[in-house]
Amino acid sequence: METHDKIVRLAPYEEVLGTLCELIEDEGFLVAKIGKIMVYLPMEMKQRLMPFVGRNIAVLHTDIPQKEYLYRIPSEPVIEKPVVSDSLREACHAL
């Protein structure tokens, strides 16, 4: 996972889970604020994610062609917590 000014890029099979707070356009990329984490996503996801602002969401980066990023809306309440990798944990603590 790469970080750039406290914005992370998910590595394959890293997932971020939390409340989708906002979507921001940044130099041709979409930045999603999910919980306390800012994540770069492909711009083409903006229209699909807009209806879920304010709701809990999980976004997973895969290595599947044509499905590099998948998202789901959890059916149960979410307890936000840092995700798996040390670099993401460091980015969370830096906020």
PDB file of N, CA and C in Angstrom:
ATOM      1  N   MET A   1       0.833  -1.174   0.000  1.00  0.00           N
ATOM      2  CA  MET A   1       0.000   0.000   0.000  1.00  0.00           C
ATOM      3  C   MET A   1       0.876   1.234   0.000  1.00  0.00           C
ATOM      4  N   GLU A   2       0.531   2.183  -0.844  1.00  0.00           N
ATOM      5  CA  GLU A   2       1.262   3.445  -0.906  1.00  0.00           C
ATOM      6  C   GLU A   2       0.460   4.523  -0.190  1.00  0.00           C
ATOM      7  N   THR A   3       1.175   5.470   0.400  1.00  0.00           N
ATOM      8  CA  THR A   3       0.499   6.630   0.972  1.00  0.00           C
ATOM      9  C   THR A   3       1.019   7.879   0.289  1.00  0.00           C
ATOM     10  N   HIS A   4       0.168   8.862   0.111  1.00  0.00           N
ATOM     11  CA  HIS A   4       0.538  10.142  -0.497  1.00  0.00           C
ATOM     12  C   HIS A   4      -0.228  11.213   0.242  1.00  0.00           C
ATOM     13  N   ASP A   5       0.490  12.000   1.047  1.00  0.00           N
ATOM     14  CA  ASP A   5      -0.156  13.054   1.825  1.00  0.00           C
ATOM     15  C   ASP A   5      -1.357  12.529   2.602  1.00  0.00           C
ATOM     16  N   LYS A   6      -1.165  11.393   3.300  1.00  0.00           N
ATOM     17  CA  LYS A   6      -2.191  10.791   4.144  1.00  0.00           C
ATOM     18  C   LYS A   6      -3.353  10.184   3.353  1.00  0.00           C
ATOM     19  N   ILE A   7      -3.193  10.016   2.056  1.00  0.00           N
ATOM     20  CA  ILE A   7      -4.184   9.314   1.240  1.00  0.00           C
ATOM     21  C   ILE A   7      -3.544   7.991   0.845  1.00  0.00           C
ATOM     22  N   VAL A   8      -4.256   6.899   1.031  1.00  0.00           N
ATOM     23  CA  VAL A   8      -3.679   5.580   0.775  1.00  0.00           C
ATOM     24  C   VAL A   8      -4.199   4.985  -0.530  1.00  0.00           C
ATOM     25  N   ARG A   9      -3.370   4.109  -1.094  1.00  0.00           N
ATOM     26  CA  ARG A   9      -3.768   3.261  -2.223  1.00  0.00           C
ATOM     27  C   ARG A   9      -3.786   1.844  -1.676  1.00  0.00           C
ATOM     28  N   LEU A  10      -4.914   1.198  -1.785  1.00  0.00           N
ATOM     29  CA  LEU A  10      -5.013  -0.165  -1.296  1.00  0.00           C
ATOM     30  C   LEU A  10      -4.196  -1.102  -2.170  1.00  0.00           C
ATOM     31  N   ALA A  11      -3.448  -1.993  -1.541  1.00  0.00           N
ATOM     32  CA  ALA A  11      -2.737  -3.050  -2.248  1.00  0.00           C
ATOM     33  C   ALA A  11      -3.757  -4.146  -2.561  1.00  0.00           C
ATOM     34  N   PRO A  12      -3.448  -5.038  -3.496  1.00  0.00           N
ATOM     35  CA  PRO A  12      -4.397  -6.117  -3.792  1.00  0.00           C
ATOM     36  C   PRO A  12      -4.795  -6.885  -2.526  1.00  0.00           C
ATOM     37  N   TYR A  13      -6.072  -7.073  -2.396  1.00  0.00           N
ATOM     38  CA  TYR A  13      -6.728  -7.784  -1.303  1.00  0.00           C
ATOM     39  C   TYR A  13      -6.649  -7.082   0.040  1.00  0.00           C
ATOM     40  N   GLU A  14      -6.450  -5.774   0.013  1.00  0.00           N
ATOM     41  CA  GLU A  14      -6.651  -4.960   1.207  1.00  0.00           C
ATOM     42  C   GLU A  14      -8.051  -4.380   1.110  1.00  0.00           C
ATOM     43  N   GLU A  15      -8.690  -4.257   2.260  1.00  0.00           N
ATOM     44  CA  GLU A  15     -10.054  -3.752   2.322  1.00  0.00           C
ATOM     45  C   GLU A  15     -10.127  -2.646   3.356  1.00  0.00           C
ATOM     46  N   VAL A  16     -10.943  -1.660   3.081  1.00  0.00           N
ATOM     47  CA  VAL A  16     -11.213  -0.610   4.055  1.00  0.00           C
ATOM     48  C   VAL A  16     -12.711  -0.660   4.347  1.00  0.00           C
ATOM     49  N   LEU A  17     -13.055  -0.479   5.632  1.00  0.00           N
ATOM     50  CA  LEU A  17     -14.425  -0.636   6.085  1.00  0.00           C
ATOM     51  C   LEU A  17     -14.767   0.499   7.025  1.00  0.00           C
ATOM     52  N   GLY A  18     -15.904   1.143   6.804  1.00  0.00           N
ATOM     53  CA  GLY A  18     -16.336   2.230   7.682  1.00  0.00           C
ATOM     54  C   GLY A  18     -17.428   3.049   7.020  1.00  0.00           C
ATOM     55  N   THR A  19     -17.700   4.203   7.575  1.00  0.00           N
ATOM     56  CA  THR A  19     -18.722   5.098   7.032  1.00  0.00           C
ATOM     57  C   THR A  19     -18.130   5.879   5.864  1.00  0.00           C
ATOM     58  N   LEU A  20     -18.810   5.862   4.732  1.00  0.00           N
ATOM     59  CA  LEU A  20     -18.390   6.652   3.570  1.00  0.00           C
ATOM     60  C   LEU A  20     -18.798   8.092   3.848  1.00  0.00           C
ATOM     61  N   CYS A  21     -17.824   8.909   4.238  1.00  0.00           N
ATOM     62  CA  CYS A  21     -18.102  10.285   4.656  1.00  0.00           C
ATOM     63  C   CYS A  21     -18.216  11.242   3.479  1.00  0.00           C
ATOM     64  N   GLU A  22     -17.310  11.103   2.498  1.00  0.00           N
ATOM     65  CA  GLU A  22     -17.358  12.002   1.343  1.00  0.00           C
ATOM     66  C   GLU A  22     -16.545  11.443   0.197  1.00  0.00           C
ATOM     67  N   LEU A  23     -16.825  11.975  -1.006  1.00  0.00           N
ATOM     68  CA  LEU A  23     -16.092  11.640  -2.219  1.00  0.00           C
ATOM     69  C   LEU A  23     -15.534  12.932  -2.794  1.00  0.00           C
ATOM     70  N   ILE A  24     -14.241  12.938  -3.097  1.00  0.00           N
ATOM     71  CA  ILE A  24     -13.565  14.145  -3.572  1.00  0.00           C
ATOM     72  C   ILE A  24     -12.796  13.809  -4.844  1.00  0.00           C
ATOM     73  N   GLU A  25     -12.855  14.691  -5.842  1.00  0.00           N
ATOM     74  CA  GLU A  25     -12.037  14.520  -7.038  1.00  0.00           C
ATOM     75  C   GLU A  25     -10.689  15.181  -6.803  1.00  0.00           C
ATOM     76  N   ASP A  26      -9.595  14.445  -7.137  1.00  0.00           N
ATOM     77  CA  ASP A  26      -8.245  14.947  -6.912  1.00  0.00           C
ATOM     78  C   ASP A  26      -7.353  14.512  -8.064  1.00  0.00           C
ATOM     79  N   GLU A  27      -7.052  15.422  -8.966  1.00  0.00           N
ATOM     80  CA  GLU A  27      -6.138  15.184 -10.081  1.00  0.00           C
ATOM     81  C   GLU A  27      -6.465  13.915 -10.862  1.00  0.00           C
ATOM     82  N   GLY A  28      -7.724  13.753 -11.233  1.00  0.00           N
ATOM     83  CA  GLY A  28      -8.133  12.614 -12.043  1.00  0.00           C
ATOM     84  C   GLY A  28      -8.428  11.353 -11.262  1.00  0.00           C
ATOM     85  N   PHE A  29      -8.301  11.422  -9.956  1.00  0.00           N
ATOM     86  CA  PHE A  29      -8.616  10.278  -9.103  1.00  0.00           C
ATOM     87  C   PHE A  29      -9.786  10.634  -8.204  1.00  0.00           C
ATOM     88  N   LEU A  30     -10.427   9.620  -7.718  1.00  0.00           N
ATOM     89  CA  LEU A  30     -11.475   9.781  -6.727  1.00  0.00           C
ATOM     90  C   LEU A  30     -10.857   9.478  -5.367  1.00  0.00           C
ATOM     91  N   VAL A  31     -11.079  10.355  -4.411  1.00  0.00           N
ATOM     92  CA  VAL A  31     -10.632  10.112  -3.039  1.00  0.00           C
ATOM     93  C   VAL A  31     -11.883   9.907  -2.203  1.00  0.00           C
ATOM     94  N   ALA A  32     -11.952   8.747  -1.565  1.00  0.00           N
ATOM     95  CA  ALA A  32     -13.089   8.437  -0.699  1.00  0.00           C
ATOM     96  C   ALA A  32     -12.627   8.520   0.743  1.00  0.00           C
ATOM     97  N   LYS A  33     -13.359   9.266   1.557  1.00  0.00           N
ATOM     98  CA  LYS A  33     -13.074   9.286   2.996  1.00  0.00           C
ATOM     99  C   LYS A  33     -13.991   8.244   3.612  1.00  0.00           C
ATOM    100  N   ILE A  34     -13.377   7.153   4.054  1.00  0.00           N
ATOM    101  CA  ILE A  34     -14.115   6.050   4.651  1.00  0.00           C
ATOM    102  C   ILE A  34     -13.661   5.950   6.097  1.00  0.00           C
ATOM    103  N   GLY A  35     -14.541   6.321   6.995  1.00  0.00           N
ATOM    104  CA  GLY A  35     -14.139   6.431   8.401  1.00  0.00           C
ATOM    105  C   GLY A  35     -13.100   7.521   8.509  1.00  0.00           C
ATOM    106  N   LYS A  36     -11.932   7.203   9.079  1.00  0.00           N
ATOM    107  CA  LYS A  36     -10.848   8.178   9.207  1.00  0.00           C
ATOM    108  C   LYS A  36      -9.823   8.034   8.094  1.00  0.00           C
ATOM    109  N   ILE A  37     -10.069   7.139   7.144  1.00  0.00           N
ATOM    110  CA  ILE A  37      -9.081   6.814   6.121  1.00  0.00           C
ATOM    111  C   ILE A  37      -9.462   7.443   4.785  1.00  0.00           C
ATOM    112  N   MET A  38      -8.498   8.080   4.140  1.00  0.00           N
ATOM    113  CA  MET A  38      -8.685   8.640   2.798  1.00  0.00           C
ATOM    114  C   MET A  38      -8.058   7.652   1.815  1.00  0.00           C
ATOM    115  N   VAL A  39      -8.834   7.200   0.824  1.00  0.00           N
ATOM    116  CA  VAL A  39      -8.398   6.152  -0.096  1.00  0.00           C
ATOM    117  C   VAL A  39      -8.577   6.615  -1.538  1.00  0.00           C
ATOM    118  N   TYR A  40      -7.519   6.422  -2.369  1.00  0.00           N
ATOM    119  CA  TYR A  40      -7.639   6.671  -3.801  1.00  0.00           C
ATOM    120  C   TYR A  40      -8.436   5.542  -4.436  1.00  0.00           C
ATOM    121  N   LEU A  41      -9.392   5.894  -5.288  1.00  0.00           N
ATOM    122  CA  LEU A  41     -10.183   4.933  -6.052  1.00  0.00           C
ATOM    123  C   LEU A  41     -10.279   5.410  -7.495  1.00  0.00           C
ATOM    124  N   PRO A  42     -10.637   4.530  -8.429  1.00  0.00           N
ATOM    125  CA  PRO A  42     -10.828   4.964  -9.812  1.00  0.00           C
ATOM    126  C   PRO A  42     -12.018   5.928  -9.920  1.00  0.00           C
ATOM    127  N   MET A  43     -11.874   6.933 -10.758  1.00  0.00           N
ATOM    128  CA  MET A  43     -12.918   7.949 -10.926  1.00  0.00           C
ATOM    129  C   MET A  43     -14.255   7.344 -11.353  1.00  0.00           C
ATOM    130  N   GLU A  44     -14.227   6.247 -12.107  1.00  0.00           N
ATOM    131  CA  GLU A  44     -15.473   5.662 -12.595  1.00  0.00           C
ATOM    132  C   GLU A  44     -16.341   5.082 -11.474  1.00  0.00           C
ATOM    133  N   MET A  45     -15.820   5.002 -10.260  1.00  0.00           N
ATOM    134  CA  MET A  45     -16.624   4.512  -9.140  1.00  0.00           C
ATOM    135  C   MET A  45     -17.487   5.603  -8.512  1.00  0.00           C
ATOM    136  N   LYS A  46     -17.244   6.844  -8.855  1.00  0.00           N
ATOM    137  CA  LYS A  46     -17.934   7.957  -8.194  1.00  0.00           C
ATOM    138  C   LYS A  46     -19.454   7.836  -8.272  1.00  0.00           C
ATOM    139  N   GLN A  47     -19.993   7.624  -9.453  1.00  0.00           N
ATOM    140  CA  GLN A  47     -21.455   7.560  -9.600  1.00  0.00           C
ATOM    141  C   GLN A  47     -22.056   6.379  -8.850  1.00  0.00           C
ATOM    142  N   ARG A  48     -21.329   5.264  -8.806  1.00  0.00           N
ATOM    143  CA  ARG A  48     -21.840   4.080  -8.096  1.00  0.00           C
ATOM    144  C   ARG A  48     -21.809   4.269  -6.581  1.00  0.00           C
ATOM    145  N   LEU A  49     -20.827   5.035  -6.085  1.00  0.00           N
ATOM    146  CA  LEU A  49     -20.690   5.200  -4.641  1.00  0.00           C
ATOM    147  C   LEU A  49     -21.505   6.364  -4.071  1.00  0.00           C
ATOM    148  N   MET A  50     -21.845   7.344  -4.892  1.00  0.00           N
ATOM    149  CA  MET A  50     -22.567   8.534  -4.410  1.00  0.00           C
ATOM    150  C   MET A  50     -23.803   8.206  -3.560  1.00  0.00           C
ATOM    151  N   PRO A  51     -24.629   7.237  -3.955  1.00  0.00           N
ATOM    152  CA  PRO A  51     -25.825   6.958  -3.140  1.00  0.00           C
ATOM    153  C   PRO A  51     -25.513   6.434  -1.734  1.00  0.00           C
ATOM    154  N   PHE A  52     -24.269   6.032  -1.483  1.00  0.00           N
ATOM    155  CA  PHE A  52     -23.921   5.426  -0.205  1.00  0.00           C
ATOM    156  C   PHE A  52     -23.196   6.369   0.748  1.00  0.00           C
ATOM    157  N   VAL A  53     -23.061   7.645   0.382  1.00  0.00           N
ATOM    158  CA  VAL A  53     -22.434   8.618   1.285  1.00  0.00           C
ATOM    159  C   VAL A  53     -23.278   8.680   2.560  1.00  0.00           C
ATOM    160  N   GLY A  54     -22.602   8.569   3.696  1.00  0.00           N
ATOM    161  CA  GLY A  54     -23.287   8.572   4.985  1.00  0.00           C
ATOM    162  C   GLY A  54     -23.614   7.179   5.498  1.00  0.00           C
ATOM    163  N   ARG A  55     -23.357   6.167   4.674  1.00  0.00           N
ATOM    164  CA  ARG A  55     -23.648   4.780   5.079  1.00  0.00           C
ATOM    165  C   ARG A  55     -22.351   3.996   5.257  1.00  0.00           C
ATOM    166  N   ASN A  56     -22.452   2.874   5.924  1.00  0.00           N
ATOM    167  CA  ASN A  56     -21.305   1.986   6.069  1.00  0.00           C
ATOM    168  C   ASN A  56     -21.032   1.287   4.746  1.00  0.00           C
ATOM    169  N   ILE A  57     -19.747   1.133   4.431  1.00  0.00           N
ATOM    170  CA  ILE A  57     -19.345   0.522   3.168  1.00  0.00           C
ATOM    171  C   ILE A  57     -18.009  -0.185   3.376  1.00  0.00           C
ATOM    172  N   ALA A  58     -17.772  -1.193   2.564  1.00  0.00           N
ATOM    173  CA  ALA A  58     -16.477  -1.872   2.533  1.00  0.00           C
ATOM    174  C   ALA A  58     -16.006  -1.852   1.089  1.00  0.00           C
ATOM    175  N   VAL A  59     -14.747  -1.457   0.864  1.00  0.00           N
ATOM    176  CA  VAL A  59     -14.153  -1.424  -0.472  1.00  0.00           C
ATOM    177  C   VAL A  59     -12.936  -2.335  -0.467  1.00  0.00           C
ATOM    178  N   LEU A  60     -12.886  -3.248  -1.429  1.00  0.00           N
ATOM    179  CA  LEU A  60     -11.824  -4.235  -1.543  1.00  0.00           C
ATOM    180  C   LEU A  60     -11.106  -4.053  -2.872  1.00  0.00           C
ATOM    181  N   HIS A  61      -9.768  -4.012  -2.823  1.00  0.00           N
ATOM    182  CA  HIS A  61      -8.965  -3.965  -4.050  1.00  0.00           C
ATOM    183  C   HIS A  61      -8.609  -5.399  -4.403  1.00  0.00           C
ATOM    184  N   THR A  62      -8.880  -5.819  -5.638  1.00  0.00           N
ATOM    185  CA  THR A  62      -8.601  -7.190  -6.073  1.00  0.00           C
ATOM    186  C   THR A  62      -7.575  -7.181  -7.191  1.00  0.00           C
ATOM    187  N   ASP A  63      -7.224  -8.359  -7.661  1.00  0.00           N
ATOM    188  CA  ASP A  63      -6.385  -8.473  -8.857  1.00  0.00           C
ATOM    189  C   ASP A  63      -7.192  -9.073 -10.012  1.00  0.00           C
ATOM    190  N   ILE A  64      -8.497  -8.971  -9.949  1.00  0.00           N
ATOM    191  CA  ILE A  64      -9.388  -9.518 -10.968  1.00  0.00           C
ATOM    192  C   ILE A  64      -9.524  -8.504 -12.102  1.00  0.00           C
ATOM    193  N   PRO A  65      -9.160  -8.881 -13.348  1.00  0.00           N
ATOM    194  CA  PRO A  65      -9.334  -7.948 -14.465  1.00  0.00           C
ATOM    195  C   PRO A  65     -10.802  -7.510 -14.583  1.00  0.00           C
ATOM    196  N   GLN A  66     -11.012  -6.264 -14.880  1.00  0.00           N
ATOM    197  CA  GLN A  66     -12.331  -5.646 -15.030  1.00  0.00           C
ATOM    198  C   GLN A  66     -13.096  -5.499 -13.703  1.00  0.00           C
ATOM    199  N   LYS A  67     -12.552  -5.978 -12.605  1.00  0.00           N
ATOM    200  CA  LYS A  67     -13.185  -5.841 -11.286  1.00  0.00           C
ATOM    201  C   LYS A  67     -12.107  -5.552 -10.246  1.00  0.00           C
ATOM    202  N   GLU A  68     -11.301  -4.527 -10.504  1.00  0.00           N
ATOM    203  CA  GLU A  68     -10.185  -4.245  -9.611  1.00  0.00           C
ATOM    204  C   GLU A  68     -10.630  -3.784  -8.225  1.00  0.00           C
ATOM    205  N   TYR A  69     -11.776  -3.118  -8.158  1.00  0.00           N
ATOM    206  CA  TYR A  69     -12.309  -2.668  -6.876  1.00  0.00           C
ATOM    207  C   TYR A  69     -13.744  -3.145  -6.751  1.00  0.00           C
ATOM    208  N   LEU A  70     -14.031  -3.788  -5.640  1.00  0.00           N
ATOM    209  CA  LEU A  70     -15.379  -4.234  -5.337  1.00  0.00           C
ATOM    210  C   LEU A  70     -15.837  -3.524  -4.077  1.00  0.00           C
ATOM    211  N   TYR A  71     -17.136  -3.301  -3.966  1.00  0.00           N
ATOM    212  CA  TYR A  71     -17.652  -2.706  -2.745  1.00  0.00           C
ATOM    213  C   TYR A  71     -18.896  -3.468  -2.311  1.00  0.00           C
ATOM    214  N   ARG A  72     -19.167  -3.365  -1.031  1.00  0.00           N
ATOM    215  CA  ARG A  72     -20.365  -3.987  -0.480  1.00  0.00           C
ATOM    216  C   ARG A  72     -20.895  -3.103   0.638  1.00  0.00           C
ATOM    217  N   ILE A  73     -22.166  -3.240   0.898  1.00  0.00           N
ATOM    218  CA  ILE A  73     -22.810  -2.513   1.986  1.00  0.00           C
ATOM    219  C   ILE A  73     -23.085  -3.543   3.081  1.00  0.00           C
ATOM    220  N   PRO A  74     -22.380  -3.465   4.210  1.00  0.00           N
ATOM    221  CA  PRO A  74     -22.576  -4.451   5.279  1.00  0.00           C
ATOM    222  C   PRO A  74     -24.011  -4.423   5.799  1.00  0.00           C
ATOM    223  N   SER A  75     -24.547  -5.596   6.065  1.00  0.00           N
ATOM    224  CA  SER A  75     -25.925  -5.679   6.561  1.00  0.00           C
ATOM    225  C   SER A  75     -26.005  -5.494   8.076  1.00  0.00           C
ATOM    226  N   GLU A  76     -24.868  -5.615   8.751  1.00  0.00           N
ATOM    227  CA  GLU A  76     -24.836  -5.452  10.201  1.00  0.00           C
ATOM    228  C   GLU A  76     -24.053  -4.199  10.562  1.00  0.00           C
ATOM    229  N   PRO A  77     -24.239  -3.672  11.764  1.00  0.00           N
ATOM    230  CA  PRO A  77     -23.474  -2.491  12.183  1.00  0.00           C
ATOM    231  C   PRO A  77     -21.971  -2.740  12.081  1.00  0.00           C
ATOM    232  N   VAL A  78     -21.249  -1.684  11.759  1.00  0.00           N
ATOM    233  CA  VAL A  78     -19.800  -1.780  11.552  1.00  0.00           C
ATOM    234  C   VAL A  78     -19.079  -1.172  12.731  1.00  0.00           C
ATOM    235  N   ILE A  79     -18.075  -1.879  13.215  1.00  0.00           N
ATOM    236  CA  ILE A  79     -17.165  -1.319  14.212  1.00  0.00           C
ATOM    237  C   ILE A  79     -15.914  -0.941  13.443  1.00  0.00           C
ATOM    238  N   GLU A  80     -15.669   0.356  13.315  1.00  0.00           N
ATOM    239  CA  GLU A  80     -14.523   0.810  12.539  1.00  0.00           C
ATOM    240  C   GLU A  80     -13.237   0.490  13.281  1.00  0.00           C
ATOM    241  N   LYS A  81     -12.273  -0.032  12.545  1.00  0.00           N
ATOM    242  CA  LYS A  81     -10.962  -0.324  13.111  1.00  0.00           C
ATOM    243  C   LYS A  81      -9.950  -0.291  11.991  1.00  0.00           C
ATOM    244  N   PRO A  82      -8.675  -0.067  12.320  1.00  0.00           N
ATOM    245  CA  PRO A  82      -7.653  -0.076  11.281  1.00  0.00           C
ATOM    246  C   PRO A  82      -7.641  -1.413  10.554  1.00  0.00           C
ATOM    247  N   VAL A  83      -7.243  -1.375   9.310  1.00  0.00           N
ATOM    248  CA  VAL A  83      -7.248  -2.554   8.464  1.00  0.00           C
ATOM    249  C   VAL A  83      -5.931  -3.301   8.624  1.00  0.00           C
ATOM    250  N   VAL A  84      -5.697  -4.325   7.826  1.00  0.00           N
ATOM    251  CA  VAL A  84      -4.650  -5.307   8.021  1.00  0.00           C
ATOM    252  C   VAL A  84      -3.209  -4.826   7.963  1.00  0.00           C
ATOM    253  N   SER A  85      -2.834  -3.981   7.057  1.00  0.00           N
ATOM    254  CA  SER A  85      -1.412  -3.715   6.825  1.00  0.00           C
ATOM    255  C   SER A  85      -0.843  -2.663   7.769  1.00  0.00           C
ATOM    256  N   ASP A  86       0.460  -2.772   8.009  1.00  0.00           N
ATOM    257  CA  ASP A  86       1.149  -1.805   8.862  1.00  0.00           C
ATOM    258  C   ASP A  86       1.136  -0.413   8.253  1.00  0.00           C
ATOM    259  N   SER A  87       1.277  -0.316   6.919  1.00  0.00           N
ATOM    260  CA  SER A  87       1.309   1.006   6.290  1.00  0.00           C
ATOM    261  C   SER A  87      -0.035   1.706   6.429  1.00  0.00           C
ATOM    262  N   LEU A  88      -1.124   0.969   6.347  1.00  0.00           N
ATOM    263  CA  LEU A  88      -2.437   1.579   6.536  1.00  0.00           C
ATOM    264  C   LEU A  88      -2.621   1.978   7.995  1.00  0.00           C
ATOM    265  N   ARG A  89      -2.149   1.150   8.905  1.00  0.00           N
ATOM    266  CA  ARG A  89      -2.224   1.469  10.316  1.00  0.00           C
ATOM    267  C   ARG A  89      -1.452   2.764  10.606  1.00  0.00           C
ATOM    268  N   GLU A  90      -0.274   2.910  10.010  1.00  0.00           N
ATOM    269  CA  GLU A  90       0.529   4.121  10.186  1.00  0.00           C
ATOM    270  C   GLU A  90      -0.199   5.337   9.624  1.00  0.00           C
ATOM    271  N   ALA A  91      -0.842   5.184   8.465  1.00  0.00           N
ATOM    272  CA  ALA A  91      -1.579   6.295   7.861  1.00  0.00           C
ATOM    273  C   ALA A  91      -2.730   6.724   8.754  1.00  0.00           C
ATOM    274  N   CYS A  92      -3.406   5.763   9.388  1.00  0.00           N
ATOM    275  CA  CYS A  92      -4.506   6.086  10.303  1.00  0.00           C
ATOM    276  C   CYS A  92      -4.010   6.865  11.510  1.00  0.00           C
ATOM    277  N   HIS A  93      -2.892   6.453  12.059  1.00  0.00           N
ATOM    278  CA  HIS A  93      -2.353   7.130  13.233  1.00  0.00           C
ATOM    279  C   HIS A  93      -1.852   8.530  12.905  1.00  0.00           C
ATOM    280  N   ALA A  94      -1.471   8.763  11.654  1.00  0.00           N
ATOM    281  CA  ALA A  94      -0.956  10.068  11.255  1.00  0.00           C
ATOM    282  C   ALA A  94      -2.083  11.098  11.151  1.00  0.00           C
ATOM    283  N   LEU A  95      -3.324  10.664  11.047  1.00  0.00           N
ATOM    284  CA  LEU A  95      -4.445  11.594  10.877  1.00  0.00           C
ATOM    285  C   LEU A  95      -4.794  12.308  12.144  1.00  0.00           C
TER     286      LEU A  95
END
